Each structure stands twice: as structure tokens, then as C-alpha cells.
């Protein structure tokens, strides 16, 4: 063997063996025998293989492109998330330094007293 099989190729070969077994066809049958069992010529058999396997290849390439897009989007979102987290930590620190929470609480308490007096 020149190269090891890819996982997708192993899956195709296993599935092919399962189909042959379920149809009662010998596992060691050649291309001509497969085409004869299907009732088509070898030429038609190869055309079918190219047509249907070509679709799978196109679908695989399309999925690869979508995956690449998703990775890119994820990286961009992660950068945005990190940047916003940094900004929020900065805002919280600024609020602590300038005691904004205390000022707001004091303002709330003072505003509440004025309303009570008017009633």
C-alpha cells in the first residue's frame, strides 16, 4: 500500500461492504460485476460514481468553507469580547476611584427626602 486511507475513505469502504452484503453480492466483486448487478454498463457505472462522489466532494468543500468562516467569526467575536471586557473593567475601576456609587447613593437619598417633604 502506498498511502494509508483517510477516515472518510475508510467509512466509504465499510459502507460499500455493508451494502454489498445486504444485497447478497460477493465482497470481492470487481467493477464490471457491480455494474452488471446494477444493470448498467461500466461506462455508466463510472459516470454515476463521478456524479455522486463529485456531489459529496462539492458538499465537503462547501462545509470546509463554512467552517473556515465560522473560525474567522469566532476569532473576531473573541477579540471583541476581550476588548469589551477590558473596557468594562476600566469603567468599574474608574467608578471605584471616583466613588460614583457613593455619589449616586447619596443623590438617591437626598432626592427621596425632597419627595417626602412635598407630600
Protein backbone atom coordinates (compact mmCIF):
# COMPACT_ATOMS: atom_id res chain seq x y z
CA UNK A 1 0.00 0.00 0.00
CA UNK A 2 1.34 3.39 -0.94
CA UNK A 3 -0.69 5.51 1.49
CA UNK A 4 -2.97 4.92 4.44
CA UNK A 5 -6.66 5.58 3.96
CA UNK A 6 -8.31 8.76 5.15
CA UNK A 7 -11.13 8.40 7.71
CA UNK A 8 -13.68 9.36 5.04
CA UNK A 9 -12.32 6.70 2.70
CA UNK A 10 -12.49 4.04 5.40
CA UNK A 11 -16.11 4.98 6.05
CA UNK A 12 -16.95 4.71 2.33
CA UNK A 13 -15.30 1.30 2.01
CA UNK A 14 -17.05 -0.05 5.11
CA UNK A 15 -20.40 1.28 3.90
CA UNK A 16 -19.80 -0.24 0.47
CA UNK A 17 -19.11 -3.64 2.05
CA UNK A 18 -22.29 -3.35 4.12
CA UNK A 19 -24.33 -2.53 1.01
CA UNK A 20 -22.82 -5.45 -0.93
CA UNK A 21 -23.59 -7.83 1.93
CA UNK A 22 -27.18 -6.59 2.27
CA UNK A 23 -27.74 -7.04 -1.49
CA UNK A 24 -26.25 -10.54 -1.45
CA UNK A 25 -23.28 -9.58 -3.64
CA UNK A 26 -19.83 -11.07 -3.02
CA UNK A 27 -17.44 -8.72 -1.23
CA UNK A 28 -14.62 -9.39 -3.70
CA UNK A 29 -16.63 -8.44 -6.81
CA UNK A 30 -14.97 -6.27 -9.45
CA UNK A 31 -16.30 -3.09 -11.10
CA UNK A 32 -17.75 -4.97 -14.06
CA UNK A 33 -19.65 -7.28 -11.71
CA UNK A 34 -21.04 -4.37 -9.72
CA UNK A 35 -22.23 -2.65 -12.90
CA UNK A 36 -23.76 -5.90 -14.19
CA UNK A 37 -25.62 -6.37 -10.88
CA UNK A 38 -26.94 -2.80 -11.22
CA UNK A 39 -27.95 -3.43 -14.84
CA UNK A 40 -25.71 -0.73 -16.33
CA UNK A 41 -22.55 -0.60 -18.42
CA UNK A 42 -19.15 0.03 -16.88
CA UNK A 43 -19.10 3.45 -18.54
CA UNK A 44 -22.43 4.35 -16.94
CA UNK A 45 -21.22 2.99 -13.60
CA UNK A 46 -18.16 5.22 -13.69
CA UNK A 47 -20.32 8.19 -14.72
CA UNK A 48 -22.61 7.55 -11.76
CA UNK A 49 -19.63 7.28 -9.43
CA UNK A 50 -18.18 10.56 -10.71
CA UNK A 51 -21.55 12.31 -10.50
CA UNK A 52 -22.46 11.17 -6.99
CA UNK A 53 -18.98 11.30 -5.49
CA UNK A 54 -18.48 14.71 -7.12
CA UNK A 55 -21.53 15.97 -5.22
CA UNK A 56 -20.07 14.70 -1.98
CA UNK A 57 -16.76 16.40 -2.76
CA UNK A 58 -18.54 19.69 -3.52
CA UNK A 59 -20.55 19.38 -0.31
CA UNK A 60 -17.37 18.63 1.66
CA UNK A 61 -15.63 21.68 0.18
CA UNK A 62 -18.66 23.83 0.96
CA UNK A 63 -18.62 22.64 4.56
CA UNK A 64 -14.89 23.34 4.79
CA UNK A 65 -15.51 26.92 3.58
CA UNK A 66 -18.29 27.39 6.14
CA UNK A 67 -16.06 26.01 8.87
CA UNK A 68 -13.32 28.47 7.92
CA UNK A 69 -15.85 31.31 8.05
CA UNK A 70 -17.05 30.17 11.47
CA UNK A 71 -13.48 30.06 12.77
CA UNK A 72 -12.89 33.57 11.48
CA UNK A 73 -16.14 34.84 13.03
CA UNK A 74 -15.27 33.16 16.32
CA UNK A 75 -11.84 34.79 16.39
CA UNK A 76 -13.39 38.22 15.72
CA UNK A 77 -16.04 37.73 18.40
CA UNK A 78 -13.42 36.59 20.90
CA UNK A 79 -11.35 39.72 20.20
CA UNK A 80 -14.45 41.90 20.64
CA UNK A 81 -15.36 40.11 23.86
CA UNK A 82 -11.86 40.55 25.27
CA UNK A 83 -11.83 44.24 24.28
CA UNK A 84 -15.23 44.88 25.85
CA UNK A 85 -14.22 43.02 29.00
CA UNK A 86 -11.16 45.23 29.26
CA UNK A 87 -13.27 48.36 28.77
CA UNK A 88 -15.78 47.25 31.39
CA UNK A 89 -13.05 46.53 33.92
CA UNK A 90 -11.70 50.02 33.23
CA UNK A 91 -15.12 51.58 33.79
CA UNK A 92 -15.60 49.71 37.05
CA UNK A 93 -12.19 50.82 38.24
CA UNK A 94 -12.99 54.44 37.30
CA UNK A 95 -16.28 54.24 39.22
CA UNK A 96 -14.40 52.93 42.26
CA UNK A 97 -11.70 55.63 42.02
CA UNK A 98 -14.22 58.46 41.67
CA UNK A 99 -16.65 56.92 44.17
CA UNK A 100 -19.54 57.13 41.73
CA UNK A 101 -21.55 54.51 43.62
CA UNK A 102 -21.37 56.59 46.78
CA UNK A 103 -22.37 59.75 44.90
CA UNK A 104 -25.35 58.00 43.29
CA UNK A 105 -26.46 56.54 46.62
CA UNK A 106 -26.14 59.94 48.27
CA UNK A 107 -28.09 61.58 45.44
CA UNK A 108 -30.79 58.93 45.74
CA UNK A 109 -31.09 59.50 49.46
CA UNK A 110 -31.27 63.30 49.02
CA UNK A 111 -33.82 63.07 46.21
CA UNK A 112 -36.00 60.71 48.24
CA UNK A 113 -36.12 63.18 51.18
CA UNK A 114 -37.33 66.04 48.97
CA UNK A 115 -40.22 63.96 47.65
CA UNK A 116 -41.30 63.02 51.15
CA UNK A 117 -41.37 66.69 52.23
CA UNK A 118 -43.60 67.70 49.29
CA UNK A 119 -46.23 65.13 50.16
